[in-house]
Amino acid sequence: KDRSVPTAAIEVRFDAPSRHGDLLHLDLTLM
């Protein structure tokens, strides 16, 4: 409504491919 929380920086490491039908669990940890 009056603010935002954009991403200022991101670094990603891709370890293995995901395929159609996979069930992923996304875990977020505040640092």
PDB file of all heavy atoms in Angstrom:
ATOM      1  N   LYS A   1       0.836  -1.204   0.000  1.00  0.00           N
ATOM      2  CA  LYS A   1       0.000   0.000   0.000  1.00  0.00           C
ATOM      3  C   LYS A   1       0.872   1.255   0.000  1.00  0.00           C
ATOM      4  O   LYS A   1       0.514   2.259  -0.614  1.00  0.00           O
ATOM      5  CB  LYS A   1      -0.933   0.012   1.209  1.00  0.00           C
ATOM      6  CG  LYS A   1      -2.054  -0.998   1.106  1.00  0.00           C
ATOM      7  CD  LYS A   1      -2.927  -0.971   2.336  1.00  0.00           C
ATOM      8  CE  LYS A   1      -4.011  -2.032   2.231  1.00  0.00           C
ATOM      9  NZ  LYS A   1      -4.808  -2.105   3.469  1.00  0.00           N
ATOM     10  N   ASP A   2       1.998   1.203   0.729  1.00  0.00           N
ATOM     11  CA  ASP A   2       2.864   2.378   0.785  1.00  0.00           C
ATOM     12  C   ASP A   2       4.357   2.051   0.885  1.00  0.00           C
ATOM     13  O   ASP A   2       5.177   2.944   1.005  1.00  0.00           O
ATOM     14  CB  ASP A   2       2.453   3.283   1.946  1.00  0.00           C
ATOM     15  CG  ASP A   2       2.554   2.606   3.308  1.00  0.00           C
ATOM     16  OD1 ASP A   2       2.877   1.400   3.372  1.00  0.00           O
ATOM     17  OD2 ASP A   2       2.295   3.289   4.317  1.00  0.00           O
ATOM     18  N   ARG A   3       4.699   0.766   0.833  1.00  0.00           N
ATOM     19  CA  ARG A   3       6.100   0.350   0.933  1.00  0.00           C
ATOM     20  C   ARG A   3       6.344  -0.813  -0.017  1.00  0.00           C
ATOM     21  O   ARG A   3       5.447  -1.300  -0.670  1.00  0.00           O
ATOM     22  CB  ARG A   3       6.418  -0.113   2.362  1.00  0.00           C
ATOM     23  CG  ARG A   3       6.344   0.954   3.402  1.00  0.00           C
ATOM     24  CD  ARG A   3       6.837   0.386   4.729  1.00  0.00           C
ATOM     25  NE  ARG A   3       6.764   1.379   5.761  1.00  0.00           N
ATOM     26  CZ  ARG A   3       5.965   1.301   6.816  1.00  0.00           C
ATOM     27  NH1 ARG A   3       5.187   0.258   6.986  1.00  0.00           N
ATOM     28  NH2 ARG A   3       5.977   2.242   7.726  1.00  0.00           N
ATOM     29  N   SER A   4       7.585  -1.298   0.017  1.00  0.00           N
ATOM     30  CA  SER A   4       7.925  -2.519  -0.703  1.00  0.00           C
ATOM     31  C   SER A   4       9.129  -3.151  -0.013  1.00  0.00           C
ATOM     32  O   SER A   4       9.772  -2.529   0.825  1.00  0.00           O
ATOM     33  CB  SER A   4       8.228  -2.232  -2.185  1.00  0.00           C
ATOM     34  OG  SER A   4       9.315  -1.334  -2.310  1.00  0.00           O
ATOM     35  N   VAL A   5       9.412  -4.404  -0.366  1.00  0.00           N
ATOM     36  CA  VAL A   5      10.562  -5.120   0.196  1.00  0.00           C
ATOM     37  C   VAL A   5      11.316  -5.808  -0.949  1.00  0.00           C
ATOM     38  O   VAL A   5      11.338  -7.027  -1.048  1.00  0.00           O
ATOM     39  CB  VAL A   5      10.157  -6.127   1.304  1.00  0.00           C
ATOM     40  CG1 VAL A   5       9.758  -5.409   2.561  1.00  0.00           C
ATOM     41  CG2 VAL A   5       9.048  -7.042   0.846  1.00  0.00           C
ATOM     42  N   PRO A   6      11.944  -5.019  -1.809  1.00  0.00           N
ATOM     43  CA  PRO A   6      12.658  -5.607  -2.941  1.00  0.00           C
ATOM     44  C   PRO A   6      13.923  -6.343  -2.509  1.00  0.00           C
ATOM     45  O   PRO A   6      14.475  -6.107  -1.432  1.00  0.00           O
ATOM     46  CB  PRO A   6      13.005  -4.401  -3.812  1.00  0.00           C
ATOM     47  CG  PRO A   6      13.089  -3.267  -2.843  1.00  0.00           C
ATOM     48  CD  PRO A   6      12.040  -3.560  -1.799  1.00  0.00           C
ATOM     49  N   THR A   7      14.353  -7.222  -3.391  1.00  0.00           N
ATOM     50  CA  THR A   7      15.623  -7.920  -3.204  1.00  0.00           C
ATOM     51  C   THR A   7      16.743  -7.011  -3.685  1.00  0.00           C
ATOM     52  O   THR A   7      16.739  -6.554  -4.829  1.00  0.00           O
ATOM     53  CB  THR A   7      15.628  -9.238  -3.999  1.00  0.00           C
ATOM     54  OG1 THR A   7      14.612 -10.086  -3.464  1.00  0.00           O
ATOM     55  CG2 THR A   7      16.969  -9.934  -3.920  1.00  0.00           C
ATOM     56  N   ALA A   8      17.715  -6.756  -2.811  1.00  0.00           N
ATOM     57  CA  ALA A   8      18.859  -5.914  -3.161  1.00  0.00           C
ATOM     58  C   ALA A   8      20.036  -6.756  -3.645  1.00  0.00           C
ATOM     59  O   ALA A   8      20.866  -6.283  -4.424  1.00  0.00           O
ATOM     60  CB  ALA A   8      19.281  -5.072  -1.964  1.00  0.00           C
ATOM     61  N   ALA A   9      20.101  -8.003  -3.181  1.00  0.00           N
ATOM     62  CA  ALA A   9      21.186  -8.900  -3.588  1.00  0.00           C
ATOM     63  C   ALA A   9      20.706 -10.327  -3.440  1.00  0.00           C
ATOM     64  O   ALA A   9      19.929 -10.636  -2.533  1.00  0.00           O
ATOM     65  CB  ALA A   9      22.431  -8.677  -2.726  1.00  0.00           C
ATOM     66  N   ILE A  10      21.175 -11.183  -4.342  1.00  0.00           N
ATOM     67  CA  ILE A  10      20.850 -12.609  -4.244  1.00  0.00           C
ATOM     68  C   ILE A  10      21.981 -13.407  -4.877  1.00  0.00           C
ATOM     69  O   ILE A  10      22.539 -13.010  -5.898  1.00  0.00           O
ATOM     70  CB  ILE A  10      19.480 -12.947  -4.889  1.00  0.00           C
ATOM     71  CG1 ILE A  10      19.067 -14.386  -4.553  1.00  0.00           C
ATOM     72  CG2 ILE A  10      19.498 -12.679  -6.372  1.00  0.00           C
ATOM     73  CD1 ILE A  10      17.604 -14.687  -4.863  1.00  0.00           C
ATOM     74  N   GLU A  11      22.317 -14.498  -4.221  1.00  0.00           N
ATOM     75  CA  GLU A  11      23.321 -15.425  -4.746  1.00  0.00           C
ATOM     76  C   GLU A  11      22.730 -16.828  -4.634  1.00  0.00           C
ATOM     77  O   GLU A  11      22.242 -17.210  -3.573  1.00  0.00           O
ATOM     78  CB  GLU A  11      24.608 -15.344  -3.943  1.00  0.00           C
ATOM     79  CG  GLU A  11      25.705 -16.238  -4.475  1.00  0.00           C
ATOM     80  CD  GLU A  11      27.004 -16.075  -3.706  1.00  0.00           C
ATOM     81  OE1 GLU A  11      27.281 -14.968  -3.205  1.00  0.00           O
ATOM     82  OE2 GLU A  11      27.731 -17.081  -3.607  1.00  0.00           O
ATOM     83  N   VAL A  12      22.758 -17.560  -5.739  1.00  0.00           N
ATOM     84  CA  VAL A  12      22.130 -18.875  -5.775  1.00  0.00           C
ATOM     85  C   VAL A  12      23.124 -19.920  -6.264  1.00  0.00           C
ATOM     86  O   VAL A  12      23.894 -19.678  -7.185  1.00  0.00           O
ATOM     87  CB  VAL A  12      20.894 -18.876  -6.706  1.00  0.00           C
ATOM     88  CG1 VAL A  12      20.226 -20.242  -6.711  1.00  0.00           C
ATOM     89  CG2 VAL A  12      19.901 -17.810  -6.293  1.00  0.00           C
ATOM     90  N   ARG A  13      23.054 -21.087  -5.645  1.00  0.00           N
ATOM     91  CA  ARG A  13      23.812 -22.248  -6.101  1.00  0.00           C
ATOM     92  C   ARG A  13      22.795 -23.320  -6.470  1.00  0.00           C
ATOM     93  O   ARG A  13      21.968 -23.714  -5.651  1.00  0.00           O
ATOM     94  CB  ARG A  13      24.741 -22.754  -5.010  1.00  0.00           C
ATOM     95  CG  ARG A  13      25.494 -23.992  -5.443  1.00  0.00           C
ATOM     96  CD  ARG A  13      26.395 -24.502  -4.337  1.00  0.00           C
ATOM     97  NE  ARG A  13      26.984 -25.741  -4.725  1.00  0.00           N
ATOM     98  CZ  ARG A  13      28.162 -25.867  -5.328  1.00  0.00           C
ATOM     99  NH1 ARG A  13      28.864 -24.801  -5.600  1.00  0.00           N
ATOM    100  NH2 ARG A  13      28.632 -27.052  -5.649  1.00  0.00           N
ATOM    101  N   PHE A  14      22.863 -23.771  -7.710  1.00  0.00           N
ATOM    102  CA  PHE A  14      21.968 -24.820  -8.185  1.00  0.00           C
ATOM    103  C   PHE A  14      22.690 -26.154  -8.055  1.00  0.00           C
ATOM    104  O   PHE A  14      23.729 -26.364  -8.665  1.00  0.00           O
ATOM    105  CB  PHE A  14      21.572 -24.553  -9.642  1.00  0.00           C
ATOM    106  CG  PHE A  14      20.881 -23.229  -9.817  1.00  0.00           C
ATOM    107  CD1 PHE A  14      21.569 -22.130 -10.317  1.00  0.00           C
ATOM    108  CD2 PHE A  14      19.556 -23.068  -9.470  1.00  0.00           C
ATOM    109  CE1 PHE A  14      20.944 -20.905 -10.482  1.00  0.00           C
ATOM    110  CE2 PHE A  14      18.916 -21.845  -9.629  1.00  0.00           C
ATOM    111  CZ  PHE A  14      19.619 -20.761 -10.128  1.00  0.00           C
ATOM    112  N   ASP A  15      22.137 -27.053  -7.249  1.00  0.00           N
ATOM    113  CA  ASP A  15      22.809 -28.313  -6.948  1.00  0.00           C
ATOM    114  C   ASP A  15      22.337 -29.484  -7.795  1.00  0.00           C
ATOM    115  O   ASP A  15      23.120 -30.386  -8.083  1.00  0.00           O
ATOM    116  CB  ASP A  15      22.624 -28.660  -5.466  1.00  0.00           C
ATOM    117  CG  ASP A  15      23.296 -27.635  -4.562  1.00  0.00           C
ATOM    118  OD1 ASP A  15      24.477 -27.325  -4.794  1.00  0.00           O
ATOM    119  OD2 ASP A  15      22.639 -27.139  -3.632  1.00  0.00           O
ATOM    120  N   ALA A  16      21.065 -29.495  -8.144  1.00  0.00           N
ATOM    121  CA  ALA A  16      20.515 -30.609  -8.933  1.00  0.00           C
ATOM    122  C   ALA A  16      19.246 -30.108  -9.624  1.00  0.00           C
ATOM    123  O   ALA A  16      18.564 -29.225  -9.109  1.00  0.00           O
ATOM    124  CB  ALA A  16      20.201 -31.806  -8.040  1.00  0.00           C
ATOM    125  N   PRO A  17      18.915 -30.678 -10.776  1.00  0.00           N
ATOM    126  CA  PRO A  17      17.706 -30.231 -11.477  1.00  0.00           C
ATOM    127  C   PRO A  17      16.434 -30.735 -10.796  1.00  0.00           C
ATOM    128  O   PRO A  17      16.436 -31.751 -10.112  1.00  0.00           O
ATOM    129  CB  PRO A  17      17.853 -30.849 -12.872  1.00  0.00           C
ATOM    130  CG  PRO A  17      18.724 -32.046 -12.670  1.00  0.00           C
ATOM    131  CD  PRO A  17      19.650 -31.698 -11.543  1.00  0.00           C
ATOM    132  N   SER A  18      15.379 -29.954 -10.984  1.00  0.00           N
ATOM    133  CA  SER A  18      14.043 -30.371 -10.540  1.00  0.00           C
ATOM    134  C   SER A  18      13.222 -30.633 -11.787  1.00  0.00           C
ATOM    135  O   SER A  18      13.388 -29.963 -12.809  1.00  0.00           O
ATOM    136  CB  SER A  18      13.379 -29.281  -9.702  1.00  0.00           C
ATOM    137  OG  SER A  18      14.106 -29.054  -8.520  1.00  0.00           O
ATOM    138  N   ARG A  19      12.330 -31.601 -11.693  1.00  0.00           N
ATOM    139  CA  ARG A  19      11.544 -32.018 -12.863  1.00  0.00           C
ATOM    140  C   ARG A  19      10.054 -31.879 -12.603  1.00  0.00           C
ATOM    141  O   ARG A  19       9.603 -31.865 -11.458  1.00  0.00           O
ATOM    142  CB  ARG A  19      11.889 -33.447 -13.223  1.00  0.00           C
ATOM    143  CG  ARG A  19      13.362 -33.620 -13.555  1.00  0.00           C
ATOM    144  CD  ARG A  19      13.701 -35.023 -14.051  1.00  0.00           C
ATOM    145  NE  ARG A  19      15.120 -35.180 -14.230  1.00  0.00           N
ATOM    146  CZ  ARG A  19      15.848 -34.664 -15.212  1.00  0.00           C
ATOM    147  NH1 ARG A  19      15.277 -33.917 -16.116  1.00  0.00           N
ATOM    148  NH2 ARG A  19      17.148 -34.875 -15.286  1.00  0.00           N
ATOM    149  N   HIS A  20       9.334 -31.811 -13.691  1.00  0.00           N
ATOM    150  CA  HIS A  20       7.882 -31.710 -13.644  1.00  0.00           C
ATOM    151  C   HIS A  20       7.340 -32.808 -12.735  1.00  0.00           C
ATOM    152  O   HIS A  20       7.657 -33.979 -12.904  1.00  0.00           O
ATOM    153  CB  HIS A  20       7.338 -31.838 -15.073  1.00  0.00           C
ATOM    154  CG  HIS A  20       5.892 -31.515 -15.202  1.00  0.00           C
ATOM    155  ND1 HIS A  20       5.188 -31.750 -16.337  1.00  0.00           N
ATOM    156  CD2 HIS A  20       5.003 -30.964 -14.352  1.00  0.00           C
ATOM    157  CE1 HIS A  20       3.939 -31.368 -16.184  1.00  0.00           C
ATOM    158  NE2 HIS A  20       3.801 -30.885 -14.973  1.00  0.00           N
ATOM    159  N   GLY A  21       6.533 -32.416 -11.755  1.00  0.00           N
ATOM    160  CA  GLY A  21       5.933 -33.372 -10.825  1.00  0.00           C
ATOM    161  C   GLY A  21       6.652 -33.497  -9.490  1.00  0.00           C
ATOM    162  O   GLY A  21       6.074 -34.037  -8.538  1.00  0.00           O
ATOM    163  N   ASP A  22       7.896 -33.025  -9.388  1.00  0.00           N
ATOM    164  CA  ASP A  22       8.615 -33.094  -8.110  1.00  0.00           C
ATOM    165  C   ASP A  22       7.903 -32.255  -7.059  1.00  0.00           C
ATOM    166  O   ASP A  22       7.327 -31.210  -7.358  1.00  0.00           O
ATOM    167  CB  ASP A  22      10.039 -32.553  -8.247  1.00  0.00           C
ATOM    168  CG  ASP A  22      10.994 -33.494  -8.957  1.00  0.00           C
ATOM    169  OD1 ASP A  22      10.620 -34.657  -9.209  1.00  0.00           O
ATOM    170  OD2 ASP A  22      12.122 -33.056  -9.270  1.00  0.00           O
ATOM    171  N   LEU A  23       7.973 -32.705  -5.809  1.00  0.00           N
ATOM    172  CA  LEU A  23       7.481 -31.907  -4.695  1.00  0.00           C
ATOM    173  C   LEU A  23       8.689 -31.353  -3.953  1.00  0.00           C
ATOM    174  O   LEU A  23       9.462 -32.101  -3.355  1.00  0.00           O
ATOM    175  CB  LEU A  23       6.614 -32.732  -3.741  1.00  0.00           C
ATOM    176  CG  LEU A  23       6.087 -31.945  -2.533  1.00  0.00           C
ATOM    177  CD1 LEU A  23       5.221 -30.762  -2.973  1.00  0.00           C
ATOM    178  CD2 LEU A  23       5.322 -32.859  -1.600  1.00  0.00           C
ATOM    179  N   LEU A  24       8.845 -30.050  -4.041  1.00  0.00           N
ATOM    180  CA  LEU A  24       9.945 -29.363  -3.365  1.00  0.00           C
ATOM    181  C   LEU A  24       9.458 -28.831  -2.027  1.00  0.00           C
ATOM    182  O   LEU A  24       8.279 -28.504  -1.867  1.00  0.00           O
ATOM    183  CB  LEU A  24      10.449 -28.183  -4.200  1.00  0.00           C
ATOM    184  CG  LEU A  24      10.890 -28.471  -5.623  1.00  0.00           C
ATOM    185  CD1 LEU A  24      11.312 -27.176  -6.308  1.00  0.00           C
ATOM    186  CD2 LEU A  24      12.016 -29.488  -5.653  1.00  0.00           C
ATOM    187  N   HIS A  25      10.377 -28.733  -1.088  1.00  0.00           N
ATOM    188  CA  HIS A  25      10.128 -28.029   0.161  1.00  0.00           C
ATOM    189  C   HIS A  25      11.099 -26.861   0.190  1.00  0.00           C
ATOM    190  O   HIS A  25      12.311 -27.064   0.149  1.00  0.00           O
ATOM    191  CB  HIS A  25      10.331 -28.940   1.370  1.00  0.00           C
ATOM    192  CG  HIS A  25       9.222 -29.919   1.509  1.00  0.00           C
ATOM    193  ND1 HIS A  25       9.295 -31.193   1.001  1.00  0.00           N
ATOM    194  CD2 HIS A  25       8.003 -29.803   2.055  1.00  0.00           C
ATOM    195  CE1 HIS A  25       8.160 -31.815   1.228  1.00  0.00           C
ATOM    196  NE2 HIS A  25       7.359 -30.995   1.872  1.00  0.00           N
ATOM    197  N   LEU A  26      10.539 -25.646   0.200  1.00  0.00           N
ATOM    198  CA  LEU A  26      11.342 -24.442   0.286  1.00  0.00           C
ATOM    199  C   LEU A  26      11.431 -24.032   1.746  1.00  0.00           C
ATOM    200  O   LEU A  26      10.407 -23.767   2.380  1.00  0.00           O
ATOM    201  CB  LEU A  26      10.726 -23.303  -0.535  1.00  0.00           C
ATOM    202  CG  LEU A  26      10.999 -23.364  -2.031  1.00  0.00           C
ATOM    203  CD1 LEU A  26      10.123 -24.381  -2.713  1.00  0.00           C
ATOM    204  CD2 LEU A  26      10.832 -22.010  -2.653  1.00  0.00           C
ATOM    205  N   ASP A  27      12.636 -24.028   2.269  1.00  0.00           N
ATOM    206  CA  ASP A  27      12.881 -23.658   3.658  1.00  0.00           C
ATOM    207  C   ASP A  27      13.548 -22.288   3.694  1.00  0.00           C
ATOM    208  O   ASP A  27      14.561 -22.071   3.018  1.00  0.00           O
ATOM    209  CB  ASP A  27      13.801 -24.671   4.344  1.00  0.00           C
ATOM    210  CG  ASP A  27      13.144 -26.025   4.502  1.00  0.00           C
ATOM    211  OD1 ASP A  27      11.898 -26.101   4.481  1.00  0.00           O
ATOM    212  OD2 ASP A  27      13.884 -27.011   4.653  1.00  0.00           O
ATOM    213  N   LEU A  28      12.980 -21.366   4.478  1.00  0.00           N
ATOM    214  CA  LEU A  28      13.533 -20.031   4.640  1.00  0.00           C
ATOM    215  C   LEU A  28      14.053 -19.877   6.055  1.00  0.00           C
ATOM    216  O   LEU A  28      13.380 -20.256   7.021  1.00  0.00           O
ATOM    217  CB  LEU A  28      12.483 -18.956   4.384  1.00  0.00           C
ATOM    218  CG  LEU A  28      11.795 -18.963   3.027  1.00  0.00           C
ATOM    219  CD1 LEU A  28      10.817 -17.800   2.926  1.00  0.00           C
ATOM    220  CD2 LEU A  28      12.794 -18.889   1.903  1.00  0.00           C
ATOM    221  N   THR A  29      15.250 -19.307   6.163  1.00  0.00           N
ATOM    222  CA  THR A  29      15.855 -19.045   7.457  1.00  0.00           C
ATOM    223  C   THR A  29      16.276 -17.588   7.510  1.00  0.00           C
ATOM    224  O   THR A  29      17.050 -17.137   6.641  1.00  0.00           O
ATOM    225  CB  THR A  29      17.091 -19.946   7.682  1.00  0.00           C
ATOM    226  OG1 THR A  29      16.693 -21.312   7.540  1.00  0.00           O
ATOM    227  CG2 THR A  29      17.701 -19.719   9.050  1.00  0.00           C
ATOM    228  N   LEU A  30      15.767 -16.856   8.473  1.00  0.00           N
ATOM    229  CA  LEU A  30      16.181 -15.475   8.687  1.00  0.00           C
ATOM    230  C   LEU A  30      17.577 -15.508   9.292  1.00  0.00           C
ATOM    231  O   LEU A  30      17.837 -16.272  10.228  1.00  0.00           O
ATOM    232  CB  LEU A  30      15.206 -14.769   9.610  1.00  0.00           C
ATOM    233  CG  LEU A  30      13.774 -14.679   9.065  1.00  0.00           C
ATOM    234  CD1 LEU A  30      12.793 -14.374  10.183  1.00  0.00           C
ATOM    235  CD2 LEU A  30      13.693 -13.644   7.976  1.00  0.00           C
ATOM    236  N   MET A  31      18.472 -14.673   8.782  1.00  0.00           N
ATOM    237  CA  MET A  31      19.860 -14.680   9.241  1.00  0.00           C
ATOM    238  C   MET A  31      20.213 -13.459  10.089  1.00  0.00           C
ATOM    239  O   MET A  31      20.944 -13.553  11.050  1.00  0.00           O
ATOM    240  CB  MET A  31      20.808 -14.772   8.044  1.00  0.00           C
ATOM    241  CG  MET A  31      20.587 -16.010   7.185  1.00  0.00           C
ATOM    242  SD  MET A  31      20.680 -17.556   8.110  1.00  0.00           S
ATOM    243  CE  MET A  31      22.406 -17.572   8.529  1.00  0.00           C
TER     244      MET A  31
END
